[in-house]
Amino acid sequence: MNPADSLQFLEHYGVLIVPALVVAEQIGVPLPAVPALLGVGALAAHGRISIPLVLAAIAVVALAADFVWYELGRRRGAGVLATLCRLSLEPDSCLRRA
């Protein structure tokens, strides 16, 4: 897939792809959201994608993901924190910093 095909794909599905990448990044999945954001910015500069629509979609899914993390912390804070610390690269210092 060449860069022109990538931009065309992003032009058609950017409103779905970019918010999904942002949520995946918030969860901790190492996916490249920044290149997709740059691509959407380039498309928006040429009028090929609606930046307000993409920004609204990103805001909605990011706030929804933040709300889920908030509720998990409020309802099951210690258990969620312990699980996240076990998955951490430095599990010993994780709880001390938290």
PDB file of N, CA and C in Angstrom:
ATOM      1  N   MET A   1       0.847  -1.174   0.000  1.00  0.00           N
ATOM      2  CA  MET A   1       0.000   0.000   0.000  1.00  0.00           C
ATOM      3  C   MET A   1       0.894   1.239   0.000  1.00  0.00           C
ATOM      4  N   ASN A   2       0.746   2.074  -1.010  1.00  0.00           N
ATOM      5  CA  ASN A   2       1.559   3.289  -1.080  1.00  0.00           C
ATOM      6  C   ASN A   2       0.897   4.434  -0.313  1.00  0.00           C
ATOM      7  N   PRO A   3       1.617   5.525  -0.094  1.00  0.00           N
ATOM      8  CA  PRO A   3       1.062   6.634   0.696  1.00  0.00           C
ATOM      9  C   PRO A   3      -0.231   7.219   0.125  1.00  0.00           C
ATOM     10  N   ALA A   4      -0.370   7.257  -1.187  1.00  0.00           N
ATOM     11  CA  ALA A   4      -1.598   7.792  -1.777  1.00  0.00           C
ATOM     12  C   ALA A   4      -2.789   6.909  -1.433  1.00  0.00           C
ATOM     13  N   ASP A   5      -2.579   5.592  -1.459  1.00  0.00           N
ATOM     14  CA  ASP A   5      -3.651   4.671  -1.080  1.00  0.00           C
ATOM     15  C   ASP A   5      -3.997   4.828   0.402  1.00  0.00           C
ATOM     16  N   SER A   6      -2.982   5.049   1.230  1.00  0.00           N
ATOM     17  CA  SER A   6      -3.217   5.236   2.663  1.00  0.00           C
ATOM     18  C   SER A   6      -4.049   6.486   2.915  1.00  0.00           C
ATOM     19  N   LEU A   7      -3.727   7.568   2.225  1.00  0.00           N
ATOM     20  CA  LEU A   7      -4.496   8.803   2.401  1.00  0.00           C
ATOM     21  C   LEU A   7      -5.920   8.657   1.883  1.00  0.00           C
ATOM     22  N   GLN A   8      -6.083   7.925   0.791  1.00  0.00           N
ATOM     23  CA  GLN A   8      -7.438   7.706   0.265  1.00  0.00           C
ATOM     24  C   GLN A   8      -8.246   6.853   1.248  1.00  0.00           C
ATOM     25  N   PHE A   9      -7.625   5.833   1.805  1.00  0.00           N
ATOM     26  CA  PHE A   9      -8.287   4.996   2.805  1.00  0.00           C
ATOM     27  C   PHE A   9      -8.651   5.832   4.032  1.00  0.00           C
ATOM     28  N   LEU A  10      -7.725   6.681   4.468  1.00  0.00           N
ATOM     29  CA  LEU A  10      -7.964   7.543   5.623  1.00  0.00           C
ATOM     30  C   LEU A  10      -9.043   8.576   5.326  1.00  0.00           C
ATOM     31  N   GLU A  11      -9.109   9.025   4.075  1.00  0.00           N
ATOM     32  CA  GLU A  11     -10.146   9.977   3.684  1.00  0.00           C
ATOM     33  C   GLU A  11     -11.533   9.363   3.827  1.00  0.00           C
ATOM     34  N   HIS A  12     -11.657   8.091   3.463  1.00  0.00           N
ATOM     35  CA  HIS A  12     -12.958   7.422   3.526  1.00  0.00           C
ATOM     36  C   HIS A  12     -13.320   6.972   4.934  1.00  0.00           C
ATOM     37  N   TYR A  13     -12.342   6.488   5.688  1.00  0.00           N
ATOM     38  CA  TYR A  13     -12.628   5.881   6.989  1.00  0.00           C
ATOM     39  C   TYR A  13     -11.977   6.611   8.169  1.00  0.00           C
ATOM     40  N   GLY A  14     -11.464   7.809   7.944  1.00  0.00           N
ATOM     41  CA  GLY A  14     -10.768   8.538   8.998  1.00  0.00           C
ATOM     42  C   GLY A  14     -11.635   8.847  10.204  1.00  0.00           C
ATOM     43  N   VAL A  15     -12.918   9.098   9.978  1.00  0.00           N
ATOM     44  CA  VAL A  15     -13.822   9.417  11.087  1.00  0.00           C
ATOM     45  C   VAL A  15     -13.997   8.206  12.002  1.00  0.00           C
ATOM     46  N   LEU A  16     -13.742   7.017  11.508  1.00  0.00           N
ATOM     47  CA  LEU A  16     -13.830   5.801  12.326  1.00  0.00           C
ATOM     48  C   LEU A  16     -12.464   5.362  12.838  1.00  0.00           C
ATOM     49  N   ILE A  17     -11.449   5.493  12.004  1.00  0.00           N
ATOM     50  CA  ILE A  17     -10.119   4.979  12.345  1.00  0.00           C
ATOM     51  C   ILE A  17      -9.442   5.808  13.437  1.00  0.00           C
ATOM     52  N   VAL A  18      -9.438   7.120  13.282  1.00  0.00           N
ATOM     53  CA  VAL A  18      -8.712   7.970  14.225  1.00  0.00           C
ATOM     54  C   VAL A  18      -9.286   7.864  15.637  1.00  0.00           C
ATOM     55  N   PRO A  19     -10.612   7.939  15.834  1.00  0.00           N
ATOM     56  CA  PRO A  19     -11.125   7.748  17.199  1.00  0.00           C
ATOM     57  C   PRO A  19     -10.809   6.362  17.769  1.00  0.00           C
ATOM     58  N   ALA A  20     -10.848   5.339  16.928  1.00  0.00           N
ATOM     59  CA  ALA A  20     -10.510   3.990  17.412  1.00  0.00           C
ATOM     60  C   ALA A  20      -9.047   3.927  17.842  1.00  0.00           C
ATOM     61  N   LEU A  21      -8.159   4.558  17.092  1.00  0.00           N
ATOM     62  CA  LEU A  21      -6.742   4.585  17.473  1.00  0.00           C
ATOM     63  C   LEU A  21      -6.521   5.367  18.764  1.00  0.00           C
ATOM     64  N   VAL A  22      -7.253   6.458  18.931  1.00  0.00           N
ATOM     65  CA  VAL A  22      -7.112   7.258  20.150  1.00  0.00           C
ATOM     66  C   VAL A  22      -7.555   6.453  21.372  1.00  0.00           C
ATOM     67  N   VAL A  23      -8.671   5.748  21.256  1.00  0.00           N
ATOM     68  CA  VAL A  23      -9.145   4.920  22.377  1.00  0.00           C
ATOM     69  C   VAL A  23      -8.175   3.780  22.650  1.00  0.00           C
ATOM     70  N   ALA A  24      -7.681   3.144  21.606  1.00  0.00           N
ATOM     71  CA  ALA A  24      -6.716   2.056  21.801  1.00  0.00           C
ATOM     72  C   ALA A  24      -5.469   2.568  22.504  1.00  0.00           C
ATOM     73  N   GLU A  25      -5.040   3.766  22.154  1.00  0.00           N
ATOM     74  CA  GLU A  25      -3.869   4.350  22.802  1.00  0.00           C
ATOM     75  C   GLU A  25      -4.153   4.667  24.270  1.00  0.00           C
ATOM     76  N   GLN A  26      -5.379   5.107  24.575  1.00  0.00           N
ATOM     77  CA  GLN A  26      -5.742   5.372  25.972  1.00  0.00           C
ATOM     78  C   GLN A  26      -5.767   4.093  26.789  1.00  0.00           C
ATOM     79  N   ILE A  27      -6.144   3.002  26.180  1.00  0.00           N
ATOM     80  CA  ILE A  27      -6.182   1.723  26.881  1.00  0.00           C
ATOM     81  C   ILE A  27      -4.769   1.203  27.111  1.00  0.00           C
ATOM     82  N   GLY A  28      -3.848   1.571  26.245  1.00  0.00           N
ATOM     83  CA  GLY A  28      -2.466   1.135  26.399  1.00  0.00           C
ATOM     84  C   GLY A  28      -1.966   0.287  25.253  1.00  0.00           C
ATOM     85  N   VAL A  29      -2.757   0.132  24.215  1.00  0.00           N
ATOM     86  CA  VAL A  29      -2.338  -0.640  23.051  1.00  0.00           C
ATOM     87  C   VAL A  29      -1.385   0.227  22.224  1.00  0.00           C
ATOM     88  N   PRO A  30      -0.205  -0.273  21.917  1.00  0.00           N
ATOM     89  CA  PRO A  30       0.769   0.548  21.187  1.00  0.00           C
ATOM     90  C   PRO A  30       0.476   0.612  19.688  1.00  0.00           C
ATOM     91  N   LEU A  31      -0.514   1.410  19.327  1.00  0.00           N
ATOM     92  CA  LEU A  31      -0.861   1.623  17.920  1.00  0.00           C
ATOM     93  C   LEU A  31      -0.489   3.050  17.523  1.00  0.00           C
ATOM     94  N   PRO A  32      -0.154   3.266  16.269  1.00  0.00           N
ATOM     95  CA  PRO A  32       0.319   4.589  15.839  1.00  0.00           C
ATOM     96  C   PRO A  32      -0.823   5.568  15.566  1.00  0.00           C
ATOM     97  N   ALA A  33      -1.291   6.268  16.571  1.00  0.00           N
ATOM     98  CA  ALA A  33      -2.356   7.254  16.386  1.00  0.00           C
ATOM     99  C   ALA A  33      -1.813   8.547  15.787  1.00  0.00           C
ATOM    100  N   VAL A  34      -0.596   8.905  16.105  1.00  0.00           N
ATOM    101  CA  VAL A  34      -0.038  10.183  15.645  1.00  0.00           C
ATOM    102  C   VAL A  34       0.068  10.245  14.116  1.00  0.00           C
ATOM    103  N   PRO A  35       0.572   9.224  13.411  1.00  0.00           N
ATOM    104  CA  PRO A  35       0.600   9.315  11.943  1.00  0.00           C
ATOM    105  C   PRO A  35      -0.801   9.462  11.336  1.00  0.00           C
ATOM    106  N   ALA A  36      -1.793   8.797  11.926  1.00  0.00           N
ATOM    107  CA  ALA A  36      -3.156   8.938  11.424  1.00  0.00           C
ATOM    108  C   ALA A  36      -3.666  10.354  11.656  1.00  0.00           C
ATOM    109  N   LEU A  37      -3.339  10.935  12.805  1.00  0.00           N
ATOM    110  CA  LEU A  37      -3.739  12.315  13.075  1.00  0.00           C
ATOM    111  C   LEU A  37      -3.071  13.286  12.100  1.00  0.00           C
ATOM    112  N   LEU A  38      -1.806  13.046  11.793  1.00  0.00           N
ATOM    113  CA  LEU A  38      -1.111  13.878  10.809  1.00  0.00           C
ATOM    114  C   LEU A  38      -1.739  13.738   9.427  1.00  0.00           C
ATOM    115  N   GLY A  39      -2.106  12.515   9.072  1.00  0.00           N
ATOM    116  CA  GLY A  39      -2.759  12.286   7.781  1.00  0.00           C
ATOM    117  C   GLY A  39      -4.101  12.981   7.690  1.00  0.00           C
ATOM    118  N   VAL A  40      -4.876  12.920   8.770  1.00  0.00           N
ATOM    119  CA  VAL A  40      -6.171  13.608   8.791  1.00  0.00           C
ATOM    120  C   VAL A  40      -5.964  15.117   8.711  1.00  0.00           C
ATOM    121  N   GLY A  41      -4.936  15.616   9.381  1.00  0.00           N
ATOM    122  CA  GLY A  41      -4.630  17.041   9.292  1.00  0.00           C
ATOM    123  C   GLY A  41      -4.272  17.461   7.873  1.00  0.00           C
ATOM    124  N   ALA A  42      -3.502  16.642   7.185  1.00  0.00           N
ATOM    125  CA  ALA A  42      -3.142  16.943   5.792  1.00  0.00           C
ATOM    126  C   ALA A  42      -4.377  16.919   4.895  1.00  0.00           C
ATOM    127  N   LEU A  43      -5.242  15.929   5.124  1.00  0.00           N
ATOM    128  CA  LEU A  43      -6.479  15.863   4.338  1.00  0.00           C
ATOM    129  C   LEU A  43      -7.377  17.055   4.625  1.00  0.00           C
ATOM    130  N   ALA A  44      -7.456  17.462   5.879  1.00  0.00           N
ATOM    131  CA  ALA A  44      -8.287  18.617   6.242  1.00  0.00           C
ATOM    132  C   ALA A  44      -7.751  19.906   5.625  1.00  0.00           C
ATOM    133  N   ALA A  45      -6.422  20.023   5.527  1.00  0.00           N
ATOM    134  CA  ALA A  45      -5.822  21.217   4.928  1.00  0.00           C
ATOM    135  C   ALA A  45      -6.211  21.365   3.461  1.00  0.00           C
ATOM    136  N   HIS A  46      -6.489  20.246   2.809  1.00  0.00           N
ATOM    137  CA  HIS A  46      -6.879  20.276   1.401  1.00  0.00           C
ATOM    138  C   HIS A  46      -8.391  20.165   1.231  1.00  0.00           C
ATOM    139  N   GLY A  47      -9.132  20.217   2.332  1.00  0.00           N
ATOM    140  CA  GLY A  47     -10.586  20.179   2.256  1.00  0.00           C
ATOM    141  C   GLY A  47     -11.170  18.831   1.899  1.00  0.00           C
ATOM    142  N   ARG A  48     -10.412  17.766   2.119  1.00  0.00           N
ATOM    143  CA  ARG A  48     -10.877  16.435   1.740  1.00  0.00           C
ATOM    144  C   ARG A  48     -11.522  15.675   2.885  1.00  0.00           C
ATOM    145  N   ILE A  49     -11.470  16.235   4.107  1.00  0.00           N
ATOM    146  CA  ILE A  49     -12.111  15.605   5.256  1.00  0.00           C
ATOM    147  C   ILE A  49     -12.560  16.726   6.190  1.00  0.00           C
ATOM    148  N   SER A  50     -13.637  16.487   6.892  1.00  0.00           N
ATOM    149  CA  SER A  50     -14.185  17.496   7.801  1.00  0.00           C
ATOM    150  C   SER A  50     -13.489  17.411   9.151  1.00  0.00           C
ATOM    151  N   ILE A  51     -12.683  18.419   9.464  1.00  0.00           N
ATOM    152  CA  ILE A  51     -11.968  18.407  10.727  1.00  0.00           C
ATOM    153  C   ILE A  51     -12.911  18.539  11.917  1.00  0.00           C
ATOM    154  N   PRO A  52     -13.992  19.340  11.847  1.00  0.00           N
ATOM    155  CA  PRO A  52     -14.912  19.370  12.992  1.00  0.00           C
ATOM    156  C   PRO A  52     -15.557  18.011  13.272  1.00  0.00           C
ATOM    157  N   LEU A  53     -15.864  17.265  12.227  1.00  0.00           N
ATOM    158  CA  LEU A  53     -16.453  15.944  12.413  1.00  0.00           C
ATOM    159  C   LEU A  53     -15.462  14.980  13.059  1.00  0.00           C
ATOM    160  N   VAL A  54     -14.226  15.003  12.604  1.00  0.00           N
ATOM    161  CA  VAL A  54     -13.196  14.128  13.179  1.00  0.00           C
ATOM    162  C   VAL A  54     -12.919  14.519  14.630  1.00  0.00           C
ATOM    163  N   LEU A  55     -12.808  15.813  14.897  1.00  0.00           N
ATOM    164  CA  LEU A  55     -12.562  16.266  16.269  1.00  0.00           C
ATOM    165  C   LEU A  55     -13.715  15.904  17.200  1.00  0.00           C
ATOM    166  N   ALA A  56     -14.937  16.032  16.708  1.00  0.00           N
ATOM    167  CA  ALA A  56     -16.098  15.654  17.524  1.00  0.00           C
ATOM    168  C   ALA A  56     -16.093  14.157  17.819  1.00  0.00           C
ATOM    169  N   ALA A  57     -15.763  13.355  16.821  1.00  0.00           N
ATOM    170  CA  ALA A  57     -15.711  11.897  17.031  1.00  0.00           C
ATOM    171  C   ALA A  57     -14.613  11.537  18.031  1.00  0.00           C
ATOM    172  N   ILE A  58     -13.454  12.178  17.912  1.00  0.00           N
ATOM    173  CA  ILE A  58     -12.359  11.922  18.849  1.00  0.00           C
ATOM    174  C   ILE A  58     -12.760  12.336  20.259  1.00  0.00           C
ATOM    175  N   ALA A  59     -13.375  13.495  20.392  1.00  0.00           N
ATOM    176  CA  ALA A  59     -13.785  13.977  21.717  1.00  0.00           C
ATOM    177  C   ALA A  59     -14.798  13.045  22.361  1.00  0.00           C
ATOM    178  N   VAL A  60     -15.763  12.571  21.592  1.00  0.00           N
ATOM    179  CA  VAL A  60     -16.790  11.678  22.140  1.00  0.00           C
ATOM    180  C   VAL A  60     -16.179  10.374  22.639  1.00  0.00           C
ATOM    181  N   VAL A  61     -15.341   9.744  21.828  1.00  0.00           N
ATOM    182  CA  VAL A  61     -14.782   8.458  22.256  1.00  0.00           C
ATOM    183  C   VAL A  61     -13.744   8.630  23.360  1.00  0.00           C
ATOM    184  N   ALA A  62     -12.978   9.724  23.335  1.00  0.00           N
ATOM    185  CA  ALA A  62     -11.990   9.946  24.400  1.00  0.00           C
ATOM    186  C   ALA A  62     -12.691  10.197  25.730  1.00  0.00           C
ATOM    187  N   LEU A  63     -13.757  10.984  25.725  1.00  0.00           N
ATOM    188  CA  LEU A  63     -14.507  11.222  26.957  1.00  0.00           C
ATOM    189  C   LEU A  63     -15.178   9.948  27.452  1.00  0.00           C
ATOM    190  N   ALA A  64     -15.677   9.130  26.531  1.00  0.00           N
ATOM    191  CA  ALA A  64     -16.284   7.863  26.932  1.00  0.00           C
ATOM    192  C   ALA A  64     -15.244   6.944  27.571  1.00  0.00           C
ATOM    193  N   ALA A  65     -14.062   6.878  26.985  1.00  0.00           N
ATOM    194  CA  ALA A  65     -12.999   6.040  27.564  1.00  0.00           C
ATOM    195  C   ALA A  65     -12.562   6.572  28.922  1.00  0.00           C
ATOM    196  N   ASP A  66     -12.445   7.887  29.045  1.00  0.00           N
ATOM    197  CA  ASP A  66     -12.090   8.480  30.341  1.00  0.00           C
ATOM    198  C   ASP A  66     -13.153   8.188  31.389  1.00  0.00           C
ATOM    199  N   PHE A  67     -14.417   8.236  30.996  1.00  0.00           N
ATOM    200  CA  PHE A  67     -15.502   7.934  31.927  1.00  0.00           C
ATOM    201  C   PHE A  67     -15.434   6.481  32.392  1.00  0.00           C
ATOM    202  N   VAL A  68     -15.110   5.570  31.472  1.00  0.00           N
ATOM    203  CA  VAL A  68     -14.976   4.156  31.848  1.00  0.00           C
ATOM    204  C   VAL A  68     -13.843   3.983  32.850  1.00  0.00           C
ATOM    205  N   TRP A  69     -12.670   4.613  32.601  1.00  0.00           N
ATOM    206  CA  TRP A  69     -11.558   4.529  33.546  1.00  0.00           C
ATOM    207  C   TRP A  69     -11.942   5.130  34.895  1.00  0.00           C
ATOM    208  N   TYR A  70     -12.674   6.244  34.878  1.00  0.00           N
ATOM    209  CA  TYR A  70     -13.108   6.880  36.119  1.00  0.00           C
ATOM    210  C   TYR A  70     -14.018   5.941  36.915  1.00  0.00           C
ATOM    211  N   GLU A  71     -14.989   5.352  36.233  1.00  0.00           N
ATOM    212  CA  GLU A  71     -15.921   4.451  36.916  1.00  0.00           C
ATOM    213  C   GLU A  71     -15.207   3.208  37.435  1.00  0.00           C
ATOM    214  N   LEU A  72     -14.269   2.675  36.665  1.00  0.00           N
ATOM    215  CA  LEU A  72     -13.493   1.531  37.150  1.00  0.00           C
ATOM    216  C   LEU A  72     -12.717   1.898  38.408  1.00  0.00           C
ATOM    217  N   GLY A  73     -12.135   3.074  38.415  1.00  0.00           N
ATOM    218  CA  GLY A  73     -11.396   3.514  39.591  1.00  0.00           C
ATOM    219  C   GLY A  73     -12.309   3.768  40.782  1.00  0.00           C
ATOM    220  N   ARG A  74     -13.469   4.323  40.528  1.00  0.00           N
ATOM    221  CA  ARG A  74     -14.393   4.632  41.612  1.00  0.00           C
ATOM    222  C   ARG A  74     -14.989   3.380  42.236  1.00  0.00           C
ATOM    223  N   ARG A  75     -15.313   2.410  41.404  1.00  0.00           N
ATOM    224  CA  ARG A  75     -15.986   1.208  41.902  1.00  0.00           C
ATOM    225  C   ARG A  75     -15.019   0.110  42.353  1.00  0.00           C
ATOM    226  N   ARG A  76     -13.934  -0.048  41.634  1.00  0.00           N
ATOM    227  CA  ARG A  76     -13.006  -1.134  41.926  1.00  0.00           C
ATOM    228  C   ARG A  76     -11.562  -0.642  41.884  1.00  0.00           C
ATOM    229  N   GLY A  77     -11.307   0.481  42.485  1.00  0.00           N
ATOM    230  CA  GLY A  77     -10.015   1.154  42.379  1.00  0.00           C
ATOM    231  C   GLY A  77      -8.814   0.311  42.735  1.00  0.00           C
ATOM    232  N   ALA A  78      -8.824  -0.295  43.922  1.00  0.00           N
ATOM    233  CA  ALA A  78      -7.647  -1.051  44.372  1.00  0.00           C
ATOM    234  C   ALA A  78      -7.389  -2.265  43.484  1.00  0.00           C
ATOM    235  N   GLY A  79      -8.430  -2.966  43.095  1.00  0.00           N
ATOM    236  CA  GLY A  79      -8.262  -4.148  42.240  1.00  0.00           C
ATOM    237  C   GLY A  79      -7.749  -3.791  40.858  1.00  0.00           C
ATOM    238  N   VAL A  80      -8.293  -2.714  40.292  1.00  0.00           N
ATOM    239  CA  VAL A  80      -7.843  -2.271  38.967  1.00  0.00           C
ATOM    240  C   VAL A  80      -6.396  -1.808  39.034  1.00  0.00           C
ATOM    241  N   LEU A  81      -6.065  -1.064  40.078  1.00  0.00           N
ATOM    242  CA  LEU A  81      -4.689  -0.590  40.232  1.00  0.00           C
ATOM    243  C   LEU A  81      -3.716  -1.749  40.415  1.00  0.00           C
ATOM    244  N   ALA A  82      -4.109  -2.748  41.192  1.00  0.00           N
ATOM    245  CA  ALA A  82      -3.247  -3.922  41.375  1.00  0.00           C
ATOM    246  C   ALA A  82      -3.031  -4.659  40.060  1.00  0.00           C
ATOM    247  N   THR A  83      -4.088  -4.800  39.276  1.00  0.00           N
ATOM    248  CA  THR A  83      -3.970  -5.471  37.975  1.00  0.00           C
ATOM    249  C   THR A  83      -3.064  -4.686  37.041  1.00  0.00           C
ATOM    250  N   LEU A  84      -3.249  -3.376  36.992  1.00  0.00           N
ATOM    251  CA  LEU A  84      -2.401  -2.547  36.134  1.00  0.00           C
ATOM    252  C   LEU A  84      -0.948  -2.585  36.578  1.00  0.00           C
ATOM    253  N   CYS A  85      -0.722  -2.649  37.883  1.00  0.00           N
ATOM    254  CA  CYS A  85       0.650  -2.719  38.386  1.00  0.00           C
ATOM    255  C   CYS A  85       1.311  -4.048  38.030  1.00  0.00           C
ATOM    256  N   ARG A  86       0.532  -5.128  38.028  1.00  0.00           N
ATOM    257  CA  ARG A  86       1.099  -6.425  37.629  1.00  0.00           C
ATOM    258  C   ARG A  86       1.517  -6.410  36.169  1.00  0.00           C
ATOM    259  N   LEU A  87       0.808  -5.649  35.343  1.00  0.00           N
ATOM    260  CA  LEU A  87       1.132  -5.559  33.919  1.00  0.00           C
ATOM    261  C   LEU A  87       2.238  -4.542  33.640  1.00  0.00           C
ATOM    262  N   SER A  88       2.586  -3.752  34.640  1.00  0.00           N
ATOM    263  CA  SER A  88       3.572  -2.695  34.491  1.00  0.00           C
ATOM    264  C   SER A  88       4.972  -3.278  34.307  1.00  0.00           C
ATOM    265  N   LEU A  89       5.859  -2.469  33.707  1.00  0.00           N
ATOM    266  CA  LEU A  89       7.251  -2.883  33.552  1.00  0.00           C
ATOM    267  C   LEU A  89       7.987  -2.878  34.880  1.00  0.00           C
ATOM    268  N   GLU A  90       7.545  -2.046  35.822  1.00  0.00           N
ATOM    269  CA  GLU A  90       8.142  -1.968  37.150  1.00  0.00           C
ATOM    270  C   GLU A  90       7.056  -2.181  38.201  1.00  0.00           C
ATOM    271  N   PRO A  91       6.608  -3.432  38.398  1.00  0.00           N
ATOM    272  CA  PRO A  91       5.492  -3.658  39.309  1.00  0.00           C
ATOM    273  C   PRO A  91       5.789  -3.314  40.762  1.00  0.00           C
ATOM    274  N   ASP A  92       7.044  -3.370  41.190  1.00  0.00           N
ATOM    275  CA  ASP A  92       7.373  -3.078  42.584  1.00  0.00           C
ATOM    276  C   ASP A  92       7.162  -1.609  42.933  1.00  0.00           C
ATOM    277  N   SER A  93       7.563  -0.729  42.038  1.00  0.00           N
ATOM    278  CA  SER A  93       7.457   0.698  42.346  1.00  0.00           C
ATOM    279  C   SER A  93       6.116   1.290  41.930  1.00  0.00           C
ATOM    280  N   CYS A  94       5.300   0.506  41.267  1.00  0.00           N
ATOM    281  CA  CYS A  94       4.019   1.014  40.754  1.00  0.00           C
ATOM    282  C   CYS A  94       3.103   1.470  41.876  1.00  0.00           C
ATOM    283  N   LEU A  95       2.908   0.662  42.890  1.00  0.00           N
ATOM    284  CA  LEU A  95       1.981   1.011  43.968  1.00  0.00           C
ATOM    285  C   LEU A  95       2.526   2.153  44.822  1.00  0.00           C
ATOM    286  N   ARG A  96       3.833   2.214  44.987  1.00  0.00           N
ATOM    287  CA  ARG A  96       4.401   3.308  45.768  1.00  0.00           C
ATOM    288  C   ARG A  96       4.171   4.653  45.095  1.00  0.00           C
ATOM    289  N   ARG A  97       4.286   4.684  43.760  1.00  0.00           N
ATOM    290  CA  ARG A  97       4.063   5.934  43.024  1.00  0.00           C
ATOM    291  C   ARG A  97       2.592   6.300  43.006  1.00  0.00           C
ATOM    292  N   ALA A  98       1.712   5.304  42.958  1.00  0.00           N
ATOM    293  CA  ALA A  98       0.265   5.577  42.907  1.00  0.00           C
ATOM    294  C   ALA A  98      -0.204   6.082  44.240  1.00  0.00           C
TER     295      ALA A  98
END
